């Protein structure tokens, strides 16, 4: 199975970080989701009920990002992976990238980011 459902550049305002200023003021986070699944059944019948809804994936990632507070974006990414695998049984593998465009460092960068890939236990 080589099918992937992808959500690119979900933008959420949230309050993650180690510093008090990051937690108080918040900032923008950008999230990509890439889910390994199978489209075999849904494309045979053109049936929405037999696929994973990308809107539901985006809603879940946005909800976790905006309603929980983590020191590390690594922990945020792990929570998104864990919840997606828990709530979407058709997803066999999830890759999550979390980007922090306003990372508080003393250099000009487009963003700091983490990327995690997790697999459903066999």
PDB file of N, CA and C in Angstrom:
ATOM      1  N   UNK A   1       0.847  -1.176   0.000  1.00  0.00           N
ATOM      2  CA  UNK A   1       0.000   0.000   0.000  1.00  0.00           C
ATOM      3  C   UNK A   1       0.889   1.235   0.000  1.00  0.00           C
ATOM      4  N   UNK A   2       0.728   2.080  -0.989  1.00  0.00           N
ATOM      5  CA  UNK A   2       1.541   3.287  -1.097  1.00  0.00           C
ATOM      6  C   UNK A   2       0.693   4.554  -1.089  1.00  0.00           C
ATOM      7  N   UNK A   3      -0.555   4.442  -0.680  1.00  0.00           N
ATOM      8  CA  UNK A   3      -1.445   5.604  -0.685  1.00  0.00           C
ATOM      9  C   UNK A   3      -1.148   6.489   0.523  1.00  0.00           C
ATOM     10  N   UNK A   4      -1.257   7.796   0.309  1.00  0.00           N
ATOM     11  CA  UNK A   4      -1.032   8.758   1.388  1.00  0.00           C
ATOM     12  C   UNK A   4      -2.090   9.845   1.326  1.00  0.00           C
ATOM     13  N   UNK A   5      -2.621  10.165   2.477  1.00  0.00           N
ATOM     14  CA  UNK A   5      -3.507  11.306   2.630  1.00  0.00           C
ATOM     15  C   UNK A   5      -2.667  12.401   3.279  1.00  0.00           C
ATOM     16  N   UNK A   6      -2.635  13.587   2.688  1.00  0.00           N
ATOM     17  CA  UNK A   6      -1.726  14.642   3.131  1.00  0.00           C
ATOM     18  C   UNK A   6      -2.501  15.919   3.439  1.00  0.00           C
ATOM     19  N   UNK A   7      -2.189  16.505   4.579  1.00  0.00           N
ATOM     20  CA  UNK A   7      -2.677  17.838   4.942  1.00  0.00           C
ATOM     21  C   UNK A   7      -1.425  18.702   5.088  1.00  0.00           C
ATOM     22  N   UNK A   8      -1.326  19.754   4.284  1.00  0.00           N
ATOM     23  CA  UNK A   8      -0.129  20.595   4.261  1.00  0.00           C
ATOM     24  C   UNK A   8      -0.406  21.978   4.816  1.00  0.00           C
ATOM     25  N   UNK A   9       0.487  22.416   5.680  1.00  0.00           N
ATOM     26  CA  UNK A   9       0.544  23.786   6.169  1.00  0.00           C
ATOM     27  C   UNK A   9      -0.707  24.227   6.931  1.00  0.00           C
ATOM     28  N   UNK A  10      -1.190  23.359   7.802  1.00  0.00           N
ATOM     29  CA  UNK A  10      -2.248  23.742   8.745  1.00  0.00           C
ATOM     30  C   UNK A  10      -1.640  24.779   9.689  1.00  0.00           C
ATOM     31  N   UNK A  11      -2.256  25.936   9.799  1.00  0.00           N
ATOM     32  CA  UNK A  11      -1.712  27.015  10.627  1.00  0.00           C
ATOM     33  C   UNK A  11      -2.591  27.204  11.852  1.00  0.00           C
ATOM     34  N   UNK A  12      -1.940  27.130  13.030  1.00  0.00           N
ATOM     35  CA  UNK A  12      -2.649  27.225  14.307  1.00  0.00           C
ATOM     36  C   UNK A  12      -1.877  28.175  15.217  1.00  0.00           C
ATOM     37  N   UNK A  13      -2.596  29.063  15.885  1.00  0.00           N
ATOM     38  CA  UNK A  13      -1.975  29.931  16.886  1.00  0.00           C
ATOM     39  C   UNK A  13      -2.060  29.226  18.229  1.00  0.00           C
ATOM     40  N   UNK A  14      -0.907  29.119  18.922  1.00  0.00           N
ATOM     41  CA  UNK A  14      -0.883  28.368  20.178  1.00  0.00           C
ATOM     42  C   UNK A  14       0.202  28.904  21.103  1.00  0.00           C
ATOM     43  N   UNK A  15       0.300  28.303  22.290  1.00  0.00           N
ATOM     44  CA  UNK A  15       1.174  28.821  23.364  1.00  0.00           C
ATOM     45  C   UNK A  15       2.140  27.767  23.876  1.00  0.00           C
ATOM     46  N   UNK A  16       2.971  27.210  22.994  1.00  0.00           N
ATOM     47  CA  UNK A  16       3.953  26.206  23.384  1.00  0.00           C
ATOM     48  C   UNK A  16       5.321  26.853  23.498  1.00  0.00           C
ATOM     49  N   UNK A  17       6.184  26.248  24.297  1.00  0.00           N
ATOM     50  CA  UNK A  17       7.566  26.714  24.386  1.00  0.00           C
ATOM     51  C   UNK A  17       8.091  26.609  25.794  1.00  0.00           C
ATOM     52  N   UNK A  18       9.390  26.727  25.898  1.00  0.00           N
ATOM     53  CA  UNK A  18      10.058  26.641  27.194  1.00  0.00           C
ATOM     54  C   UNK A  18       9.963  27.968  27.939  1.00  0.00           C
ATOM     55  N   UNK A  19      10.084  29.064  27.224  1.00  0.00           N
ATOM     56  CA  UNK A  19      10.087  30.382  27.856  1.00  0.00           C
ATOM     57  C   UNK A  19       8.697  30.870  28.237  1.00  0.00           C
ATOM     58  N   UNK A  20       8.638  31.627  29.334  1.00  0.00           N
ATOM     59  CA  UNK A  20       7.365  32.205  29.779  1.00  0.00           C
ATOM     60  C   UNK A  20       6.749  33.106  28.716  1.00  0.00           C
ATOM     61  N   UNK A  21       7.585  33.838  28.010  1.00  0.00           N
ATOM     62  CA  UNK A  21       7.095  34.759  26.974  1.00  0.00           C
ATOM     63  C   UNK A  21       6.368  33.994  25.869  1.00  0.00           C
ATOM     64  N   UNK A  22       6.913  32.860  25.452  1.00  0.00           N
ATOM     65  CA  UNK A  22       6.267  32.046  24.416  1.00  0.00           C
ATOM     66  C   UNK A  22       4.906  31.542  24.889  1.00  0.00           C
ATOM     67  N   UNK A  23       4.856  31.122  26.133  1.00  0.00           N
ATOM     68  CA  UNK A  23       3.595  30.595  26.665  1.00  0.00           C
ATOM     69  C   UNK A  23       2.569  31.704  26.862  1.00  0.00           C
ATOM     70  N   UNK A  24       3.025  32.891  27.217  1.00  0.00           N
ATOM     71  CA  UNK A  24       2.094  34.003  27.459  1.00  0.00           C
ATOM     72  C   UNK A  24       1.596  34.606  26.139  1.00  0.00           C
ATOM     73  N   UNK A  25       2.506  34.929  25.250  1.00  0.00           N
ATOM     74  CA  UNK A  25       2.136  35.620  24.013  1.00  0.00           C
ATOM     75  C   UNK A  25       1.629  34.669  22.934  1.00  0.00           C
ATOM     76  N   UNK A  26       2.186  33.480  22.886  1.00  0.00           N
ATOM     77  CA  UNK A  26       1.834  32.539  21.839  1.00  0.00           C
ATOM     78  C   UNK A  26       2.458  32.906  20.511  1.00  0.00           C
ATOM     79  N   UNK A  27       2.263  32.046  19.535  1.00  0.00           N
ATOM     80  CA  UNK A  27       2.786  32.278  18.194  1.00  0.00           C
ATOM     81  C   UNK A  27       2.142  31.300  17.219  1.00  0.00           C
ATOM     82  N   UNK A  28       2.466  31.477  15.960  1.00  0.00           N
ATOM     83  CA  UNK A  28       1.925  30.645  14.903  1.00  0.00           C
ATOM     84  C   UNK A  28       2.736  29.355  14.777  1.00  0.00           C
ATOM     85  N   UNK A  29       2.027  28.258  14.563  1.00  0.00           N
ATOM     86  CA  UNK A  29       2.641  26.960  14.290  1.00  0.00           C
ATOM     87  C   UNK A  29       2.095  26.457  12.964  1.00  0.00           C
ATOM     88  N   UNK A  30       2.940  25.796  12.207  1.00  0.00           N
ATOM     89  CA  UNK A  30       2.550  25.228  10.924  1.00  0.00           C
ATOM     90  C   UNK A  30       2.720  23.707  11.009  1.00  0.00           C
ATOM     91  N   UNK A  31       1.707  22.978  10.574  1.00  0.00           N
ATOM     92  CA  UNK A  31       1.704  21.536  10.749  1.00  0.00           C
ATOM     93  C   UNK A  31       1.392  20.835   9.428  1.00  0.00           C
ATOM     94  N   UNK A  32       2.187  19.811   9.127  1.00  0.00           N
ATOM     95  CA  UNK A  32       1.938  18.935   7.981  1.00  0.00           C
ATOM     96  C   UNK A  32       1.649  17.537   8.504  1.00  0.00           C
ATOM     97  N   UNK A  33       0.680  16.881   7.894  1.00  0.00           N
ATOM     98  CA  UNK A  33       0.330  15.502   8.228  1.00  0.00           C
ATOM     99  C   UNK A  33       0.428  14.671   6.951  1.00  0.00           C
ATOM    100  N   UNK A  34       1.069  13.522   7.045  1.00  0.00           N
ATOM    101  CA  UNK A  34       1.131  12.599   5.919  1.00  0.00           C
ATOM    102  C   UNK A  34       0.793  11.211   6.459  1.00  0.00           C
ATOM    103  N   UNK A  35      -0.336  10.667   6.003  1.00  0.00           N
ATOM    104  CA  UNK A  35      -0.877   9.426   6.561  1.00  0.00           C
ATOM    105  C   UNK A  35      -0.864   8.321   5.518  1.00  0.00           C
ATOM    106  N   UNK A  36      -0.239   7.220   5.867  1.00  0.00           N
ATOM    107  CA  UNK A  36      -0.264   6.045   4.994  1.00  0.00           C
ATOM    108  C   UNK A  36      -1.547   5.280   5.280  1.00  0.00           C
ATOM    109  N   UNK A  37      -2.306   5.057   4.229  1.00  0.00           N
ATOM    110  CA  UNK A  37      -3.589   4.367   4.333  1.00  0.00           C
ATOM    111  C   UNK A  37      -3.859   3.687   2.996  1.00  0.00           C
ATOM    112  N   UNK A  38      -5.030   3.162   2.814  1.00  0.00           N
ATOM    113  CA  UNK A  38      -5.396   2.570   1.530  1.00  0.00           C
ATOM    114  C   UNK A  38      -6.644   3.254   0.980  1.00  0.00           C
ATOM    115  N   UNK A  39      -6.571   3.640  -0.280  1.00  0.00           N
ATOM    116  CA  UNK A  39      -7.731   4.215  -0.967  1.00  0.00           C
ATOM    117  C   UNK A  39      -8.457   3.164  -1.799  1.00  0.00           C
ATOM    118  N   UNK A  40      -8.008   1.935  -1.726  1.00  0.00           N
ATOM    119  CA  UNK A  40      -8.531   0.870  -2.595  1.00  0.00           C
ATOM    120  C   UNK A  40     -10.050   0.765  -2.537  1.00  0.00           C
ATOM    121  N   UNK A  41     -10.620   0.688  -1.352  1.00  0.00           N
ATOM    122  CA  UNK A  41     -12.077   0.523  -1.215  1.00  0.00           C
ATOM    123  C   UNK A  41     -12.842   1.788  -1.590  1.00  0.00           C
ATOM    124  N   UNK A  42     -12.361   2.937  -1.174  1.00  0.00           N
ATOM    125  CA  UNK A  42     -13.124   4.168  -1.442  1.00  0.00           C
ATOM    126  C   UNK A  42     -13.149   4.518  -2.929  1.00  0.00           C
ATOM    127  N   UNK A  43     -12.059   4.243  -3.647  1.00  0.00           N
ATOM    128  CA  UNK A  43     -12.055   4.594  -5.073  1.00  0.00           C
ATOM    129  C   UNK A  43     -12.870   3.626  -5.926  1.00  0.00           C
ATOM    130  N   UNK A  44     -13.008   2.397  -5.470  1.00  0.00           N
ATOM    131  CA  UNK A  44     -13.825   1.430  -6.218  1.00  0.00           C
ATOM    132  C   UNK A  44     -15.271   1.900  -6.329  1.00  0.00           C
ATOM    133  N   UNK A  45     -15.763   2.491  -5.235  1.00  0.00           N
ATOM    134  CA  UNK A  45     -17.172   2.893  -5.181  1.00  0.00           C
ATOM    135  C   UNK A  45     -17.357   4.403  -5.101  1.00  0.00           C
ATOM    136  N   UNK A  46     -16.255   5.147  -5.156  1.00  0.00           N
ATOM    137  CA  UNK A  46     -16.309   6.600  -5.005  1.00  0.00           C
ATOM    138  C   UNK A  46     -17.093   6.959  -3.738  1.00  0.00           C
ATOM    139  N   UNK A  47     -16.728   6.306  -2.628  1.00  0.00           N
ATOM    140  CA  UNK A  47     -17.501   6.376  -1.382  1.00  0.00           C
ATOM    141  C   UNK A  47     -16.736   7.099  -0.285  1.00  0.00           C
ATOM    142  N   UNK A  48     -17.227   8.261   0.075  1.00  0.00           N
ATOM    143  CA  UNK A  48     -16.636   9.091   1.134  1.00  0.00           C
ATOM    144  C   UNK A  48     -16.552   8.348   2.468  1.00  0.00           C
ATOM    145  N   UNK A  49     -17.502   7.494   2.752  1.00  0.00           N
ATOM    146  CA  UNK A  49     -17.546   6.773   4.030  1.00  0.00           C
ATOM    147  C   UNK A  49     -16.415   5.732   4.161  1.00  0.00           C
ATOM    148  N   UNK A  50     -15.742   5.428   3.061  1.00  0.00           N
ATOM    149  CA  UNK A  50     -14.696   4.402   3.087  1.00  0.00           C
ATOM    150  C   UNK A  50     -13.292   4.989   3.034  1.00  0.00           C
ATOM    151  N   UNK A  51     -13.174   6.272   3.326  1.00  0.00           N
ATOM    152  CA  UNK A  51     -11.850   6.903   3.342  1.00  0.00           C
ATOM    153  C   UNK A  51     -11.667   7.640   4.665  1.00  0.00           C
ATOM    154  N   UNK A  52     -10.484   8.173   4.868  1.00  0.00           N
ATOM    155  CA  UNK A  52     -10.197   8.997   6.038  1.00  0.00           C
ATOM    156  C   UNK A  52     -10.495  10.446   5.656  1.00  0.00           C
ATOM    157  N   UNK A  53     -11.240  11.124   6.486  1.00  0.00           N
ATOM    158  CA  UNK A  53     -11.622  12.514   6.210  1.00  0.00           C
ATOM    159  C   UNK A  53     -10.484  13.459   6.592  1.00  0.00           C
ATOM    160  N   UNK A  54      -9.925  14.150   5.607  1.00  0.00           N
ATOM    161  CA  UNK A  54      -8.817  15.057   5.893  1.00  0.00           C
ATOM    162  C   UNK A  54      -9.242  16.235   6.765  1.00  0.00           C
ATOM    163  N   UNK A  55     -10.508  16.632   6.702  1.00  0.00           N
ATOM    164  CA  UNK A  55     -10.993  17.712   7.577  1.00  0.00           C
ATOM    165  C   UNK A  55     -10.965  17.269   9.038  1.00  0.00           C
ATOM    166  N   UNK A  56     -11.333  16.015   9.290  1.00  0.00           N
ATOM    167  CA  UNK A  56     -11.281  15.498  10.660  1.00  0.00           C
ATOM    168  C   UNK A  56      -9.848  15.415  11.163  1.00  0.00           C
ATOM    169  N   UNK A  57      -8.920  15.022  10.299  1.00  0.00           N
ATOM    170  CA  UNK A  57      -7.494  15.008  10.683  1.00  0.00           C
ATOM    171  C   UNK A  57      -7.024  16.410  11.052  1.00  0.00           C
ATOM    172  N   UNK A  58      -7.353  17.381  10.205  1.00  0.00           N
ATOM    173  CA  UNK A  58      -6.941  18.761  10.468  1.00  0.00           C
ATOM    174  C   UNK A  58      -7.573  19.286  11.749  1.00  0.00           C
ATOM    175  N   UNK A  59      -8.848  18.979  11.959  1.00  0.00           N
ATOM    176  CA  UNK A  59      -9.519  19.426  13.186  1.00  0.00           C
ATOM    177  C   UNK A  59      -8.850  18.849  14.430  1.00  0.00           C
ATOM    178  N   UNK A  60      -8.495  17.578  14.389  1.00  0.00           N
ATOM    179  CA  UNK A  60      -7.854  16.941  15.535  1.00  0.00           C
ATOM    180  C   UNK A  60      -6.493  17.580  15.815  1.00  0.00           C
ATOM    181  N   UNK A  61      -5.678  17.752  14.794  1.00  0.00           N
ATOM    182  CA  UNK A  61      -4.353  18.363  14.984  1.00  0.00           C
ATOM    183  C   UNK A  61      -4.477  19.800  15.492  1.00  0.00           C
ATOM    184  N   UNK A  62      -5.429  20.553  14.958  1.00  0.00           N
ATOM    185  CA  UNK A  62      -5.637  21.936  15.404  1.00  0.00           C
ATOM    186  C   UNK A  62      -6.121  21.983  16.849  1.00  0.00           C
ATOM    187  N   UNK A  63      -7.015  21.082  17.205  1.00  0.00           N
ATOM    188  CA  UNK A  63      -7.532  21.030  18.572  1.00  0.00           C
ATOM    189  C   UNK A  63      -6.420  20.723  19.575  1.00  0.00           C
ATOM    190  N   UNK A  64      -5.601  19.734  19.287  1.00  0.00           N
ATOM    191  CA  UNK A  64      -4.480  19.393  20.177  1.00  0.00           C
ATOM    192  C   UNK A  64      -3.532  20.575  20.290  1.00  0.00           C
ATOM    193  N   UNK A  65      -3.204  21.187  19.166  1.00  0.00           N
ATOM    194  CA  UNK A  65      -2.239  22.286  19.149  1.00  0.00           C
ATOM    195  C   UNK A  65      -2.734  23.506  19.901  1.00  0.00           C
ATOM    196  N   UNK A  66      -4.001  23.830  19.743  1.00  0.00           N
ATOM    197  CA  UNK A  66      -4.511  25.058  20.361  1.00  0.00           C
ATOM    198  C   UNK A  66      -5.020  24.880  21.781  1.00  0.00           C
ATOM    199  N   UNK A  67      -5.366  23.658  22.191  1.00  0.00           N
ATOM    200  CA  UNK A  67      -5.982  23.474  23.509  1.00  0.00           C
ATOM    201  C   UNK A  67      -5.087  22.819  24.553  1.00  0.00           C
ATOM    202  N   UNK A  68      -3.926  22.362  24.164  1.00  0.00           N
ATOM    203  CA  UNK A  68      -2.967  21.817  25.124  1.00  0.00           C
ATOM    204  C   UNK A  68      -1.725  22.689  25.089  1.00  0.00           C
ATOM    205  N   UNK A  69      -0.928  22.633  26.144  1.00  0.00           N
ATOM    206  CA  UNK A  69       0.310  23.421  26.205  1.00  0.00           C
ATOM    207  C   UNK A  69       1.478  22.471  26.484  1.00  0.00           C
ATOM    208  N   UNK A  70       2.491  22.538  25.629  1.00  0.00           N
ATOM    209  CA  UNK A  70       3.680  21.713  25.770  1.00  0.00           C
ATOM    210  C   UNK A  70       4.919  22.602  25.803  1.00  0.00           C
ATOM    211  N   UNK A  71       5.939  22.163  26.510  1.00  0.00           N
ATOM    212  CA  UNK A  71       7.222  22.861  26.468  1.00  0.00           C
ATOM    213  C   UNK A  71       7.889  22.658  25.114  1.00  0.00           C
ATOM    214  N   UNK A  72       7.785  21.443  24.581  1.00  0.00           N
ATOM    215  CA  UNK A  72       8.519  21.071  23.374  1.00  0.00           C
ATOM    216  C   UNK A  72       7.583  20.798  22.198  1.00  0.00           C
ATOM    217  N   UNK A  73       7.982  21.244  21.019  1.00  0.00           N
ATOM    218  CA  UNK A  73       7.194  20.893  19.838  1.00  0.00           C
ATOM    219  C   UNK A  73       7.346  19.404  19.531  1.00  0.00           C
ATOM    220  N   UNK A  74       8.398  18.775  20.028  1.00  0.00           N
ATOM    221  CA  UNK A  74       8.542  17.333  19.891  1.00  0.00           C
ATOM    222  C   UNK A  74       7.384  16.612  20.590  1.00  0.00           C
ATOM    223  N   UNK A  75       7.040  17.095  21.787  1.00  0.00           N
ATOM    224  CA  UNK A  75       5.933  16.494  22.545  1.00  0.00           C
ATOM    225  C   UNK A  75       4.603  16.758  21.854  1.00  0.00           C
ATOM    226  N   UNK A  76       4.429  17.947  21.316  1.00  0.00           N
ATOM    227  CA  UNK A  76       3.227  18.270  20.540  1.00  0.00           C
ATOM    228  C   UNK A  76       3.098  17.304  19.361  1.00  0.00           C
ATOM    229  N   UNK A  77       4.174  17.110  18.618  1.00  0.00           N
ATOM    230  CA  UNK A  77       4.145  16.186  17.481  1.00  0.00           C
ATOM    231  C   UNK A  77       3.824  14.769  17.893  1.00  0.00           C
ATOM    232  N   UNK A  78       4.374  14.326  19.015  1.00  0.00           N
ATOM    233  CA  UNK A  78       4.103  12.976  19.509  1.00  0.00           C
ATOM    234  C   UNK A  78       2.630  12.819  19.876  1.00  0.00           C
ATOM    235  N   UNK A  79       2.051  13.822  20.507  1.00  0.00           N
ATOM    236  CA  UNK A  79       0.630  13.764  20.879  1.00  0.00           C
ATOM    237  C   UNK A  79      -0.260  13.715  19.642  1.00  0.00           C
ATOM    238  N   UNK A  80       0.071  14.492  18.623  1.00  0.00           N
ATOM    239  CA  UNK A  80      -0.706  14.454  17.373  1.00  0.00           C
ATOM    240  C   UNK A  80      -0.618  13.066  16.744  1.00  0.00           C
ATOM    241  N   UNK A  81       0.577  12.499  16.660  1.00  0.00           N
ATOM    242  CA  UNK A  81       0.746  11.147  16.105  1.00  0.00           C
ATOM    243  C   UNK A  81      -0.075  10.132  16.883  1.00  0.00           C
ATOM    244  N   UNK A  82       0.049  10.168  18.189  1.00  0.00           N
ATOM    245  CA  UNK A  82      -0.633   9.206  19.049  1.00  0.00           C
ATOM    246  C   UNK A  82      -2.149   9.273  18.887  1.00  0.00           C
ATOM    247  N   UNK A  83      -2.691  10.472  18.880  1.00  0.00           N
ATOM    248  CA  UNK A  83      -4.142  10.637  18.769  1.00  0.00           C
ATOM    249  C   UNK A  83      -4.669  10.236  17.390  1.00  0.00           C
ATOM    250  N   UNK A  84      -3.914  10.547  16.354  1.00  0.00           N
ATOM    251  CA  UNK A  84      -4.346  10.154  15.004  1.00  0.00           C
ATOM    252  C   UNK A  84      -4.375   8.631  14.877  1.00  0.00           C
ATOM    253  N   UNK A  85      -3.323   7.957  15.333  1.00  0.00           N
ATOM    254  CA  UNK A  85      -3.315   6.496  15.266  1.00  0.00           C
ATOM    255  C   UNK A  85      -4.414   5.891  16.130  1.00  0.00           C
ATOM    256  N   UNK A  86      -4.725   6.531  17.244  1.00  0.00           N
ATOM    257  CA  UNK A  86      -5.766   6.041  18.140  1.00  0.00           C
ATOM    258  C   UNK A  86      -7.174   6.216  17.552  1.00  0.00           C
ATOM    259  N   UNK A  87      -7.399   7.329  16.876  1.00  0.00           N
ATOM    260  CA  UNK A  87      -8.753   7.664  16.426  1.00  0.00           C
ATOM    261  C   UNK A  87      -9.065   7.296  14.976  1.00  0.00           C
ATOM    262  N   UNK A  88      -8.050   6.943  14.213  1.00  0.00           N
ATOM    263  CA  UNK A  88      -8.258   6.612  12.796  1.00  0.00           C
ATOM    264  C   UNK A  88      -7.648   5.245  12.495  1.00  0.00           C
ATOM    265  N   UNK A  89      -8.407   4.166  12.687  1.00  0.00           N
ATOM    266  CA  UNK A  89      -7.865   2.812  12.510  1.00  0.00           C
ATOM    267  C   UNK A  89      -7.365   2.498  11.098  1.00  0.00           C
ATOM    268  N   UNK A  90      -7.818   3.230  10.098  1.00  0.00           N
ATOM    269  CA  UNK A  90      -7.380   2.968   8.721  1.00  0.00           C
ATOM    270  C   UNK A  90      -5.979   3.513   8.446  1.00  0.00           C
ATOM    271  N   UNK A  91      -5.453   4.334   9.337  1.00  0.00           N
ATOM    272  CA  UNK A  91      -4.122   4.910   9.147  1.00  0.00           C
ATOM    273  C   UNK A  91      -3.085   3.957   9.737  1.00  0.00           C
ATOM    274  N   UNK A  92      -2.159   3.525   8.899  1.00  0.00           N
ATOM    275  CA  UNK A  92      -1.111   2.584   9.315  1.00  0.00           C
ATOM    276  C   UNK A  92       0.167   3.291   9.759  1.00  0.00           C
ATOM    277  N   UNK A  93       0.377   4.485   9.227  1.00  0.00           N
ATOM    278  CA  UNK A  93       1.602   5.231   9.518  1.00  0.00           C
ATOM    279  C   UNK A  93       1.270   6.713   9.451  1.00  0.00           C
ATOM    280  N   UNK A  94       1.850   7.489  10.350  1.00  0.00           N
ATOM    281  CA  UNK A  94       1.629   8.938  10.346  1.00  0.00           C
ATOM    282  C   UNK A  94       2.980   9.652  10.460  1.00  0.00           C
ATOM    283  N   UNK A  95       3.183  10.625   9.603  1.00  0.00           N
ATOM    284  CA  UNK A  95       4.334  11.521   9.723  1.00  0.00           C
ATOM    285  C   UNK A  95       3.781  12.909   9.989  1.00  0.00           C
ATOM    286  N   UNK A  96       4.286  13.525  11.053  1.00  0.00           N
ATOM    287  CA  UNK A  96       3.866  14.865  11.440  1.00  0.00           C
ATOM    288  C   UNK A  96       5.093  15.768  11.447  1.00  0.00           C
ATOM    289  N   UNK A  97       4.975  16.900  10.788  1.00  0.00           N
ATOM    290  CA  UNK A  97       6.002  17.930  10.881  1.00  0.00           C
ATOM    291  C   UNK A  97       5.366  19.141  11.547  1.00  0.00           C
ATOM    292  N   UNK A  98       6.027  19.660  12.580  1.00  0.00           N
ATOM    293  CA  UNK A  98       5.584  20.875  13.263  1.00  0.00           C
ATOM    294  C   UNK A  98       6.667  21.924  13.042  1.00  0.00           C
ATOM    295  N   UNK A  99       6.277  23.061  12.468  1.00  0.00           N
ATOM    296  CA  UNK A  99       7.197  24.164  12.218  1.00  0.00           C
ATOM    297  C   UNK A  99       6.851  25.346  13.120  1.00  0.00           C
ATOM    298  N   UNK A 100       7.901  26.011  13.581  1.00  0.00           N
ATOM    299  CA  UNK A 100       7.768  27.163  14.470  1.00  0.00           C
ATOM    300  C   UNK A 100       8.463  28.342  13.776  1.00  0.00           C
ATOM    301  N   UNK A 101       7.704  29.142  13.003  1.00  0.00           N
ATOM    302  CA  UNK A 101       8.325  30.227  12.235  1.00  0.00           C
ATOM    303  C   UNK A 101       8.954  31.324  13.099  1.00  0.00           C
ATOM    304  N   UNK A 102       8.445  31.508  14.302  1.00  0.00           N
ATOM    305  CA  UNK A 102       8.964  32.584  15.165  1.00  0.00           C
ATOM    306  C   UNK A 102       9.761  32.027  16.335  1.00  0.00           C
ATOM    307  N   UNK A 103      10.529  30.981  16.074  1.00  0.00           N
ATOM    308  CA  UNK A 103      11.348  30.392  17.139  1.00  0.00           C
ATOM    309  C   UNK A 103      12.277  31.468  17.713  1.00  0.00           C
ATOM    310  N   UNK A 104      12.349  31.551  19.039  1.00  0.00           N
ATOM    311  CA  UNK A 104      13.129  32.625  19.669  1.00  0.00           C
ATOM    312  C   UNK A 104      14.635  32.331  19.674  1.00  0.00           C
ATOM    313  N   UNK A 105      15.254  32.512  18.513  1.00  0.00           N
ATOM    314  CA  UNK A 105      16.705  32.349  18.432  1.00  0.00           C
ATOM    315  C   UNK A 105      17.299  33.595  17.786  1.00  0.00           C
ATOM    316  N   UNK A 106      18.585  33.771  17.943  1.00  0.00           N
ATOM    317  CA  UNK A 106      19.246  35.008  17.514  1.00  0.00           C
ATOM    318  C   UNK A 106      19.749  34.948  16.077  1.00  0.00           C
ATOM    319  N   UNK A 107      19.020  34.267  15.211  1.00  0.00           N
ATOM    320  CA  UNK A 107      19.410  34.170  13.805  1.00  0.00           C
ATOM    321  C   UNK A 107      18.179  34.298  12.928  1.00  0.00           C
ATOM    322  N   UNK A 108      18.381  34.696  11.706  1.00  0.00           N
ATOM    323  CA  UNK A 108      17.279  34.777  10.758  1.00  0.00           C
ATOM    324  C   UNK A 108      17.094  33.385  10.149  1.00  0.00           C
ATOM    325  N   UNK A 109      15.919  32.796  10.376  1.00  0.00           N
ATOM    326  CA  UNK A 109      15.582  31.483   9.822  1.00  0.00           C
ATOM    327  C   UNK A 109      14.137  31.537   9.327  1.00  0.00           C
ATOM    328  N   UNK A 110      13.789  30.648   8.442  1.00  0.00           N
ATOM    329  CA  UNK A 110      12.386  30.601   8.026  1.00  0.00           C
ATOM    330  C   UNK A 110      11.543  29.920   9.095  1.00  0.00           C
ATOM    331  N   UNK A 111      12.130  28.917   9.790  1.00  0.00           N
ATOM    332  CA  UNK A 111      11.431  28.215  10.854  1.00  0.00           C
ATOM    333  C   UNK A 111      12.365  27.197  11.501  1.00  0.00           C
ATOM    334  N   UNK A 112      12.012  26.785  12.691  1.00  0.00           N
ATOM    335  CA  UNK A 112      12.592  25.588  13.314  1.00  0.00           C
ATOM    336  C   UNK A 112      11.507  24.524  13.209  1.00  0.00           C
ATOM    337  N   UNK A 113      11.891  23.261  13.110  1.00  0.00           N
ATOM    338  CA  UNK A 113      10.882  22.220  12.904  1.00  0.00           C
ATOM    339  C   UNK A 113      11.324  20.888  13.492  1.00  0.00           C
ATOM    340  N   UNK A 114      10.317  20.053  13.740  1.00  0.00           N
ATOM    341  CA  UNK A 114      10.554  18.646  14.078  1.00  0.00           C
ATOM    342  C   UNK A 114       9.693  17.813  13.139  1.00  0.00           C
ATOM    343  N   UNK A 115      10.110  16.580  12.927  1.00  0.00           N
ATOM    344  CA  UNK A 115       9.316  15.649  12.132  1.00  0.00           C
ATOM    345  C   UNK A 115       9.376  14.287  12.803  1.00  0.00           C
ATOM    346  N   UNK A 116       8.199  13.704  13.016  1.00  0.00           N
ATOM    347  CA  UNK A 116       8.082  12.400  13.648  1.00  0.00           C
ATOM    348  C   UNK A 116       7.308  11.466  12.726  1.00  0.00           C
ATOM    349  N   UNK A 117       7.702  10.202  12.700  1.00  0.00           N
ATOM    350  CA  UNK A 117       6.944   9.173  11.997  1.00  0.00           C
ATOM    351  C   UNK A 117       6.656   8.064  12.995  1.00  0.00           C
ATOM    352  N   UNK A 118       5.386   7.697  13.077  1.00  0.00           N
ATOM    353  CA  UNK A 118       4.955   6.632  13.990  1.00  0.00           C
ATOM    354  C   UNK A 118       4.120   5.628  13.210  1.00  0.00           C
ATOM    355  N   UNK A 119       4.149   4.385  13.681  1.00  0.00           N
ATOM    356  CA  UNK A 119       3.479   3.274  13.006  1.00  0.00           C
ATOM    357  C   UNK A 119       2.475   2.632  13.945  1.00  0.00           C
ATOM    358  N   UNK A 120       1.420   2.121  13.368  1.00  0.00           N
ATOM    359  CA  UNK A 120       0.457   1.359  14.142  1.00  0.00           C
ATOM    360  C   UNK A 120       1.121   0.057  14.580  1.00  0.00           C
ATOM    361  N   UNK A 121       0.951  -0.300  15.835  1.00  0.00           N
ATOM    362  CA  UNK A 121       1.517  -1.561  16.349  1.00  0.00           C
ATOM    363  C   UNK A 121       0.859  -2.723  15.620  1.00  0.00           C
ATOM    364  N   UNK A 122       1.654  -3.683  15.209  1.00  0.00           N
ATOM    365  CA  UNK A 122       1.122  -4.836  14.473  1.00  0.00           C
ATOM    366  C   UNK A 122       0.485  -5.821  15.410  1.00  0.00           C
TER     367      UNK A 122
END
